[in-house]
């Protein structure tokens, strides 16, 4: 199931209006018109990732008349953060949320969704920029898990942290920079687990607002685990503690 590419400003506006989940939009650098400004306004209001590119980049998509705008409809739908959190907290006493910071590899993201589905993770949050596209590769790697775990795309993951804290859900960042291990933490109550990319880890700004941090114990010969493997280990530690 691949994402569908659509061309033209009006077509993109109509797709957004009809509730389609837009993965990304490419806009012609330097373009100016009332319709173009309207599209920009709608993209920002709907938290849809976009970038300005030269005409050569747009022409590469197709020989169709793109009017300076090309969009890719996501293979996976996303949900609004606030109502999603509210509905889960209302239904479940000890929910488990996951925040993925800077996970750009589609196979890693798909594998995380597969583990999340297997372990009953309640929702996954990603940033609208700097995250893996919600395309067919993610769906395929997830082995169906992509359709079983709600995904929310937000402008800033900090907003999710603050919103969860307001609902008394603490956040736990998984980072090798932590002093204590995941096994020293009580994971039986409501929790939001935060994972960063393998090269950079959790961003400094996000680390500052996280309630606590923990690491996975490792031999000195290995610097870090693949992020999807780390997610699986932590998810099953949550299950182990709750059995």
C-alpha atoms as a PDB file:
ATOM      1  CA  UNK A   1       0.000   0.000   0.000  1.00  0.00           C
ATOM      2  CA  UNK A   2       1.912   3.030  -1.226  1.00  0.00           C
ATOM      3  CA  UNK A   3       1.087   6.666  -0.641  1.00  0.00           C
ATOM      4  CA  UNK A   4      -0.694   8.373  -3.545  1.00  0.00           C
ATOM      5  CA  UNK A   5       0.838  11.477  -5.172  1.00  0.00           C
ATOM      6  CA  UNK A   6      -1.493  14.342  -6.098  1.00  0.00           C
ATOM      7  CA  UNK A   7      -0.773  17.449  -8.135  1.00  0.00           C
ATOM      8  CA  UNK A   8      -2.014  21.039  -8.034  1.00  0.00           C
ATOM      9  CA  UNK A   9      -3.010  23.489  -5.314  1.00  0.00           C
ATOM     10  CA  UNK A  10      -6.776  22.972  -5.610  1.00  0.00           C
ATOM     11  CA  UNK A  11      -6.413  19.179  -5.592  1.00  0.00           C
ATOM     12  CA  UNK A  12      -4.319  19.339  -2.424  1.00  0.00           C
ATOM     13  CA  UNK A  13      -6.761  21.723  -0.722  1.00  0.00           C
ATOM     14  CA  UNK A  14      -9.629  19.407  -1.600  1.00  0.00           C
ATOM     15  CA  UNK A  15      -7.762  16.366  -0.269  1.00  0.00           C
ATOM     16  CA  UNK A  16      -7.156  18.120   3.064  1.00  0.00           C
ATOM     17  CA  UNK A  17     -10.781  19.294   3.218  1.00  0.00           C
ATOM     18  CA  UNK A  18     -12.029  15.737   2.670  1.00  0.00           C
ATOM     19  CA  UNK A  19      -9.972  14.473   5.593  1.00  0.00           C
ATOM     20  CA  UNK A  20      -7.180  12.699   3.711  1.00  0.00           C
ATOM     21  CA  UNK A  21      -4.013  12.215   5.752  1.00  0.00           C
ATOM     22  CA  UNK A  22      -1.292  14.148   3.910  1.00  0.00           C
ATOM     23  CA  UNK A  23       2.218  12.879   4.515  1.00  0.00           C
ATOM     24  CA  UNK A  24       4.154  15.737   2.919  1.00  0.00           C
ATOM     25  CA  UNK A  25       3.789  18.635   0.490  1.00  0.00           C
ATOM     26  CA  UNK A  26       6.413  20.073  -1.875  1.00  0.00           C
ATOM     27  CA  UNK A  27       5.951  23.695  -2.939  1.00  0.00           C
ATOM     28  CA  UNK A  28       7.625  25.699  -5.679  1.00  0.00           C
ATOM     29  CA  UNK A  29      10.232  28.023  -4.209  1.00  0.00           C
ATOM     30  CA  UNK A  30       9.330  31.670  -4.820  1.00  0.00           C
ATOM     31  CA  UNK A  31       5.753  30.979  -5.935  1.00  0.00           C
ATOM     32  CA  UNK A  32       3.226  33.731  -5.133  1.00  0.00           C
ATOM     33  CA  UNK A  33      -0.539  33.889  -5.516  1.00  0.00           C
ATOM     34  CA  UNK A  34      -3.630  34.161  -3.316  1.00  0.00           C
ATOM     35  CA  UNK A  35      -4.332  30.451  -3.805  1.00  0.00           C
ATOM     36  CA  UNK A  36      -0.734  29.593  -2.919  1.00  0.00           C
ATOM     37  CA  UNK A  37      -1.000  31.676   0.273  1.00  0.00           C
ATOM     38  CA  UNK A  38      -4.267  29.941   1.109  1.00  0.00           C
ATOM     39  CA  UNK A  39      -2.585  26.552   0.768  1.00  0.00           C
ATOM     40  CA  UNK A  40       0.267  27.650   3.038  1.00  0.00           C
ATOM     41  CA  UNK A  41      -2.249  28.803   5.642  1.00  0.00           C
ATOM     42  CA  UNK A  42      -4.132  25.486   5.510  1.00  0.00           C
ATOM     43  CA  UNK A  43      -0.921  23.442   5.727  1.00  0.00           C
ATOM     44  CA  UNK A  44       0.238  25.320   8.812  1.00  0.00           C
ATOM     45  CA  UNK A  45      -3.169  25.135  10.492  1.00  0.00           C
ATOM     46  CA  UNK A  46      -3.385  21.379   9.870  1.00  0.00           C
ATOM     47  CA  UNK A  47       0.196  20.679  10.972  1.00  0.00           C
ATOM     48  CA  UNK A  48       1.164  19.218   7.585  1.00  0.00           C
ATOM     49  CA  UNK A  49       4.875  19.026   6.754  1.00  0.00           C
ATOM     50  CA  UNK A  50       5.931  20.987   3.671  1.00  0.00           C
ATOM     51  CA  UNK A  51       9.123  22.180   2.012  1.00  0.00           C
ATOM     52  CA  UNK A  52      10.028  24.668  -0.715  1.00  0.00           C
ATOM     53  CA  UNK A  53      11.859  23.137  -3.677  1.00  0.00           C
ATOM     54  CA  UNK A  54      13.052  24.245  -7.153  1.00  0.00           C
ATOM     55  CA  UNK A  55      10.862  23.519 -10.175  1.00  0.00           C
ATOM     56  CA  UNK A  56      13.195  20.702 -11.271  1.00  0.00           C
ATOM     57  CA  UNK A  57      12.305  18.779  -8.114  1.00  0.00           C
ATOM     58  CA  UNK A  58       8.573  19.118  -8.809  1.00  0.00           C
ATOM     59  CA  UNK A  59       8.982  18.170 -12.455  1.00  0.00           C
ATOM     60  CA  UNK A  60      10.578  14.926 -11.353  1.00  0.00           C
ATOM     61  CA  UNK A  61       7.273  13.733  -9.881  1.00  0.00           C
ATOM     62  CA  UNK A  62       5.409  13.823 -13.180  1.00  0.00           C
ATOM     63  CA  UNK A  63       4.938  15.670 -16.449  1.00  0.00           C
ATOM     64  CA  UNK A  64       1.482  16.692 -15.213  1.00  0.00           C
ATOM     65  CA  UNK A  65       0.670  20.356 -14.549  1.00  0.00           C
ATOM     66  CA  UNK A  66       1.544  20.548 -10.859  1.00  0.00           C
ATOM     67  CA  UNK A  67       0.850  24.323 -10.472  1.00  0.00           C
ATOM     68  CA  UNK A  68       3.838  24.549  -8.145  1.00  0.00           C
ATOM     69  CA  UNK A  69       2.486  22.076  -5.584  1.00  0.00           C
ATOM     70  CA  UNK A  70       2.770  18.310  -5.147  1.00  0.00           C
ATOM     71  CA  UNK A  71       1.554  16.261  -2.188  1.00  0.00           C
ATOM     72  CA  UNK A  72       1.788  12.679  -1.059  1.00  0.00           C
ATOM     73  CA  UNK A  73      -1.215  11.176   0.700  1.00  0.00           C
ATOM     74  CA  UNK A  74      -0.070   8.948   3.569  1.00  0.00           C
ATOM     75  CA  UNK A  75      -0.717   5.225   3.487  1.00  0.00           C
ATOM     76  CA  UNK A  76      -1.531   5.555   7.191  1.00  0.00           C
ATOM     77  CA  UNK A  77      -4.042   7.915   8.751  1.00  0.00           C
ATOM     78  CA  UNK A  78      -3.100  10.015  11.780  1.00  0.00           C
ATOM     79  CA  UNK A  79      -5.188  11.305  14.674  1.00  0.00           C
ATOM     80  CA  UNK A  80      -5.313  14.590  16.585  1.00  0.00           C
ATOM     81  CA  UNK A  81      -3.230  14.467  19.752  1.00  0.00           C
ATOM     82  CA  UNK A  82      -5.607  15.937  22.335  1.00  0.00           C
ATOM     83  CA  UNK A  83      -8.770  13.914  21.603  1.00  0.00           C
ATOM     84  CA  UNK A  84      -6.663  10.755  21.212  1.00  0.00           C
ATOM     85  CA  UNK A  85      -5.052  11.171  24.630  1.00  0.00           C
ATOM     86  CA  UNK A  86      -8.397  12.064  26.229  1.00  0.00           C
ATOM     87  CA  UNK A  87     -10.149   8.994  24.802  1.00  0.00           C
ATOM     88  CA  UNK A  88      -7.376   6.608  25.902  1.00  0.00           C
ATOM     89  CA  UNK A  89      -7.118   8.019  29.434  1.00  0.00           C
ATOM     90  CA  UNK A  90     -10.882   7.834  29.770  1.00  0.00           C
ATOM     91  CA  UNK A  91     -10.974   4.142  28.792  1.00  0.00           C
ATOM     92  CA  UNK A  92      -7.746   2.820  30.317  1.00  0.00           C
ATOM     93  CA  UNK A  93      -6.352   3.100  33.833  1.00  0.00           C
ATOM     94  CA  UNK A  94      -2.638   2.622  33.048  1.00  0.00           C
ATOM     95  CA  UNK A  95      -2.027   3.521  29.394  1.00  0.00           C
ATOM     96  CA  UNK A  96       1.347   3.306  27.657  1.00  0.00           C
ATOM     97  CA  UNK A  97       2.209   6.044  25.175  1.00  0.00           C
ATOM     98  CA  UNK A  98       5.291   6.180  22.942  1.00  0.00           C
ATOM     99  CA  UNK A  99       7.011   9.288  21.546  1.00  0.00           C
ATOM    100  CA  UNK A 100       9.454   8.807  18.664  1.00  0.00           C
ATOM    101  CA  UNK A 101      11.914  11.661  18.226  1.00  0.00           C
ATOM    102  CA  UNK A 102      13.699  11.785  14.876  1.00  0.00           C
ATOM    103  CA  UNK A 103      13.076   8.201  13.730  1.00  0.00           C
ATOM    104  CA  UNK A 104      13.434   8.638   9.957  1.00  0.00           C
ATOM    105  CA  UNK A 105      14.043   5.076   8.734  1.00  0.00           C
ATOM    106  CA  UNK A 106      10.809   3.504   7.447  1.00  0.00           C
ATOM    107  CA  UNK A 107      11.902  -0.045   8.322  1.00  0.00           C
ATOM    108  CA  UNK A 108      12.718   0.933  11.898  1.00  0.00           C
ATOM    109  CA  UNK A 109       9.397   2.728  12.213  1.00  0.00           C
ATOM    110  CA  UNK A 110       7.531  -0.263  10.787  1.00  0.00           C
ATOM    111  CA  UNK A 111       9.311  -2.639  13.156  1.00  0.00           C
ATOM    112  CA  UNK A 112       8.450  -0.390  16.118  1.00  0.00           C
ATOM    113  CA  UNK A 113       4.775  -0.412  15.088  1.00  0.00           C
ATOM    114  CA  UNK A 114       4.882  -4.210  14.869  1.00  0.00           C
ATOM    115  CA  UNK A 115       6.287  -4.492  18.419  1.00  0.00           C
ATOM    116  CA  UNK A 116       3.850  -1.838  19.648  1.00  0.00           C
ATOM    117  CA  UNK A 117       0.881  -3.779  18.284  1.00  0.00           C
ATOM    118  CA  UNK A 118       2.167  -7.011  19.827  1.00  0.00           C
ATOM    119  CA  UNK A 119       2.569  -5.446  23.274  1.00  0.00           C
ATOM    120  CA  UNK A 120      -0.584  -3.326  23.371  1.00  0.00           C
ATOM    121  CA  UNK A 121       0.946   0.156  23.173  1.00  0.00           C
ATOM    122  CA  UNK A 122      -1.952   2.634  23.253  1.00  0.00           C
ATOM    123  CA  UNK A 123      -0.655   5.362  20.914  1.00  0.00           C
ATOM    124  CA  UNK A 124       2.472   6.554  19.126  1.00  0.00           C
ATOM    125  CA  UNK A 125       3.377  10.214  18.609  1.00  0.00           C
ATOM    126  CA  UNK A 126       5.731  11.536  15.932  1.00  0.00           C
ATOM    127  CA  UNK A 127       6.740  15.014  14.806  1.00  0.00           C
ATOM    128  CA  UNK A 128       5.412  16.281  11.475  1.00  0.00           C
ATOM    129  CA  UNK A 129       8.972  17.033  10.350  1.00  0.00           C
ATOM    130  CA  UNK A 130      12.037  14.841  10.808  1.00  0.00           C
ATOM    131  CA  UNK A 131      10.042  11.604  11.001  1.00  0.00           C
ATOM    132  CA  UNK A 132       9.711   8.609   8.696  1.00  0.00           C
ATOM    133  CA  UNK A 133       7.052   8.995   5.986  1.00  0.00           C
ATOM    134  CA  UNK A 134       3.846   7.052   6.606  1.00  0.00           C
ATOM    135  CA  UNK A 135       4.205   5.053   3.400  1.00  0.00           C
ATOM    136  CA  UNK A 136       3.847   1.518   2.104  1.00  0.00           C
ATOM    137  CA  UNK A 137       7.293   0.471   3.359  1.00  0.00           C
ATOM    138  CA  UNK A 138       6.215   1.227   6.924  1.00  0.00           C
ATOM    139  CA  UNK A 139       2.988  -0.738   6.459  1.00  0.00           C
ATOM    140  CA  UNK A 140       4.836  -3.718   4.965  1.00  0.00           C
ATOM    141  CA  UNK A 141       7.527  -3.850   7.673  1.00  0.00           C
ATOM    142  CA  UNK A 142       4.926  -3.544  10.424  1.00  0.00           C
ATOM    143  CA  UNK A 143       3.222  -6.767   9.243  1.00  0.00           C
ATOM    144  CA  UNK A 144      -0.197  -5.208   9.858  1.00  0.00           C
ATOM    145  CA  UNK A 145       0.765  -3.565  13.142  1.00  0.00           C
ATOM    146  CA  UNK A 146       0.572  -0.144  11.499  1.00  0.00           C
ATOM    147  CA  UNK A 147      -3.227  -0.424  11.390  1.00  0.00           C
ATOM    148  CA  UNK A 148      -3.560  -1.520  15.017  1.00  0.00           C
ATOM    149  CA  UNK A 149      -1.768   1.280  16.869  1.00  0.00           C
ATOM    150  CA  UNK A 150      -3.127   4.854  16.717  1.00  0.00           C
ATOM    151  CA  UNK A 151      -0.556   7.319  15.344  1.00  0.00           C
ATOM    152  CA  UNK A 152      -0.633  11.050  16.042  1.00  0.00           C
ATOM    153  CA  UNK A 153       1.495  13.555  14.146  1.00  0.00           C
ATOM    154  CA  UNK A 154       2.261  16.763  16.043  1.00  0.00           C
ATOM    155  CA  UNK A 155       4.250  19.899  15.362  1.00  0.00           C
ATOM    156  CA  UNK A 156       6.357  19.573  18.523  1.00  0.00           C
ATOM    157  CA  UNK A 157       6.748  16.497  20.732  1.00  0.00           C
ATOM    158  CA  UNK A 158       7.163  18.869  23.688  1.00  0.00           C
ATOM    159  CA  UNK A 159       3.442  19.635  23.360  1.00  0.00           C
ATOM    160  CA  UNK A 160       2.677  15.946  23.898  1.00  0.00           C
ATOM    161  CA  UNK A 161       4.931  15.827  26.981  1.00  0.00           C
ATOM    162  CA  UNK A 162       3.221  18.870  28.523  1.00  0.00           C
ATOM    163  CA  UNK A 163      -0.255  17.583  27.705  1.00  0.00           C
ATOM    164  CA  UNK A 164       0.472  14.168  29.215  1.00  0.00           C
ATOM    165  CA  UNK A 165       1.990  15.764  32.331  1.00  0.00           C
ATOM    166  CA  UNK A 166      -1.215  17.767  32.747  1.00  0.00           C
ATOM    167  CA  UNK A 167      -3.006  14.408  32.841  1.00  0.00           C
ATOM    168  CA  UNK A 168      -0.505  13.020  35.386  1.00  0.00           C
ATOM    169  CA  UNK A 169       1.238  10.771  32.866  1.00  0.00           C
ATOM    170  CA  UNK A 170       5.020  10.911  33.489  1.00  0.00           C
ATOM    171  CA  UNK A 171       7.525  10.643  30.638  1.00  0.00           C
ATOM    172  CA  UNK A 172      10.537   8.337  30.609  1.00  0.00           C
ATOM    173  CA  UNK A 173      13.296   8.978  28.083  1.00  0.00           C
ATOM    174  CA  UNK A 174      15.306   5.943  26.988  1.00  0.00           C
ATOM    175  CA  UNK A 175      18.878   7.165  26.571  1.00  0.00           C
ATOM    176  CA  UNK A 176      22.364   5.752  27.143  1.00  0.00           C
ATOM    177  CA  UNK A 177      23.188   9.021  28.954  1.00  0.00           C
ATOM    178  CA  UNK A 178      20.950   8.017  31.876  1.00  0.00           C
ATOM    179  CA  UNK A 179      22.464   6.721  35.122  1.00  0.00           C
ATOM    180  CA  UNK A 180      19.783   4.193  36.072  1.00  0.00           C
ATOM    181  CA  UNK A 181      18.512   1.291  33.987  1.00  0.00           C
ATOM    182  CA  UNK A 182      15.002   0.597  32.730  1.00  0.00           C
ATOM    183  CA  UNK A 183      14.782  -2.305  35.228  1.00  0.00           C
ATOM    184  CA  UNK A 184      15.026   0.102  38.173  1.00  0.00           C
ATOM    185  CA  UNK A 185      11.891   1.975  37.090  1.00  0.00           C
ATOM    186  CA  UNK A 186       8.310   1.221  38.046  1.00  0.00           C
ATOM    187  CA  UNK A 187       6.421   0.872  34.750  1.00  0.00           C
ATOM    188  CA  UNK A 188       3.124  -0.370  36.165  1.00  0.00           C
ATOM    189  CA  UNK A 189       1.319   2.988  36.138  1.00  0.00           C
ATOM    190  CA  UNK A 190       0.516   5.358  33.265  1.00  0.00           C
ATOM    191  CA  UNK A 191       3.710   6.050  31.316  1.00  0.00           C
ATOM    192  CA  UNK A 192       4.976   7.740  28.172  1.00  0.00           C
ATOM    193  CA  UNK A 193       8.178   6.249  26.746  1.00  0.00           C
ATOM    194  CA  UNK A 194      10.410   8.497  24.654  1.00  0.00           C
ATOM    195  CA  UNK A 195      12.904   7.136  22.123  1.00  0.00           C
ATOM    196  CA  UNK A 196      15.352   9.096  19.971  1.00  0.00           C
ATOM    197  CA  UNK A 197      17.280   8.375  16.797  1.00  0.00           C
ATOM    198  CA  UNK A 198      20.350   6.137  16.932  1.00  0.00           C
ATOM    199  CA  UNK A 199      22.776   8.833  15.768  1.00  0.00           C
ATOM    200  CA  UNK A 200      21.578  11.817  17.825  1.00  0.00           C
ATOM    201  CA  UNK A 201      19.318  10.284  20.460  1.00  0.00           C
ATOM    202  CA  UNK A 202      16.557  12.314  22.101  1.00  0.00           C
ATOM    203  CA  UNK A 203      16.949  16.003  21.237  1.00  0.00           C
ATOM    204  CA  UNK A 204      18.292  18.256  24.001  1.00  0.00           C
ATOM    205  CA  UNK A 205      15.167  20.412  24.084  1.00  0.00           C
ATOM    206  CA  UNK A 206      12.928  17.386  24.564  1.00  0.00           C
ATOM    207  CA  UNK A 207      15.227  15.846  27.185  1.00  0.00           C
ATOM    208  CA  UNK A 208      14.867  18.986  29.320  1.00  0.00           C
ATOM    209  CA  UNK A 209      11.107  18.538  29.730  1.00  0.00           C
ATOM    210  CA  UNK A 210      11.053  14.751  30.229  1.00  0.00           C
ATOM    211  CA  UNK A 211      10.234  13.591  33.768  1.00  0.00           C
ATOM    212  CA  UNK A 212      12.945  10.927  34.027  1.00  0.00           C
ATOM    213  CA  UNK A 213      15.470   8.950  31.979  1.00  0.00           C
ATOM    214  CA  UNK A 214      16.668   5.345  31.917  1.00  0.00           C
ATOM    215  CA  UNK A 215      19.023   3.217  29.858  1.00  0.00           C
ATOM    216  CA  UNK A 216      19.320  -0.364  28.721  1.00  0.00           C
ATOM    217  CA  UNK A 217      22.401  -2.021  30.250  1.00  0.00           C
ATOM    218  CA  UNK A 218      24.987  -2.847  27.613  1.00  0.00           C
ATOM    219  CA  UNK A 219      28.488  -4.245  27.315  1.00  0.00           C
ATOM    220  CA  UNK A 220      31.098  -1.590  26.636  1.00  0.00           C
ATOM    221  CA  UNK A 221      31.849  -3.042  23.201  1.00  0.00           C
ATOM    222  CA  UNK A 222      28.434  -1.929  21.894  1.00  0.00           C
ATOM    223  CA  UNK A 223      27.455   1.745  21.910  1.00  0.00           C
ATOM    224  CA  UNK A 224      23.719   1.404  21.294  1.00  0.00           C
ATOM    225  CA  UNK A 225      20.989  -0.908  20.054  1.00  0.00           C
ATOM    226  CA  UNK A 226      18.945  -0.461  16.908  1.00  0.00           C
ATOM    227  CA  UNK A 227      16.032   1.755  18.025  1.00  0.00           C
ATOM    228  CA  UNK A 228      13.381  -0.789  17.001  1.00  0.00           C
ATOM    229  CA  UNK A 229      15.155  -3.464  19.072  1.00  0.00           C
ATOM    230  CA  UNK A 230      15.409  -1.074  22.034  1.00  0.00           C
ATOM    231  CA  UNK A 231      11.669  -0.370  21.755  1.00  0.00           C
ATOM    232  CA  UNK A 232      10.866  -4.087  21.771  1.00  0.00           C
ATOM    233  CA  UNK A 233      12.998  -4.703  24.871  1.00  0.00           C
ATOM    234  CA  UNK A 234      11.384  -1.827  26.788  1.00  0.00           C
ATOM    235  CA  UNK A 235       7.838  -2.715  25.667  1.00  0.00           C
ATOM    236  CA  UNK A 236       8.253  -6.261  26.988  1.00  0.00           C
ATOM    237  CA  UNK A 237       9.713  -5.011  30.264  1.00  0.00           C
ATOM    238  CA  UNK A 238       6.455  -3.062  30.702  1.00  0.00           C
ATOM    239  CA  UNK A 239       4.506  -6.282  30.119  1.00  0.00           C
ATOM    240  CA  UNK A 240       6.752  -8.260  32.477  1.00  0.00           C
ATOM    241  CA  UNK A 241       6.199  -5.783  35.297  1.00  0.00           C
ATOM    242  CA  UNK A 242       2.447  -5.802  34.777  1.00  0.00           C
ATOM    243  CA  UNK A 243       1.949  -9.574  34.715  1.00  0.00           C
END
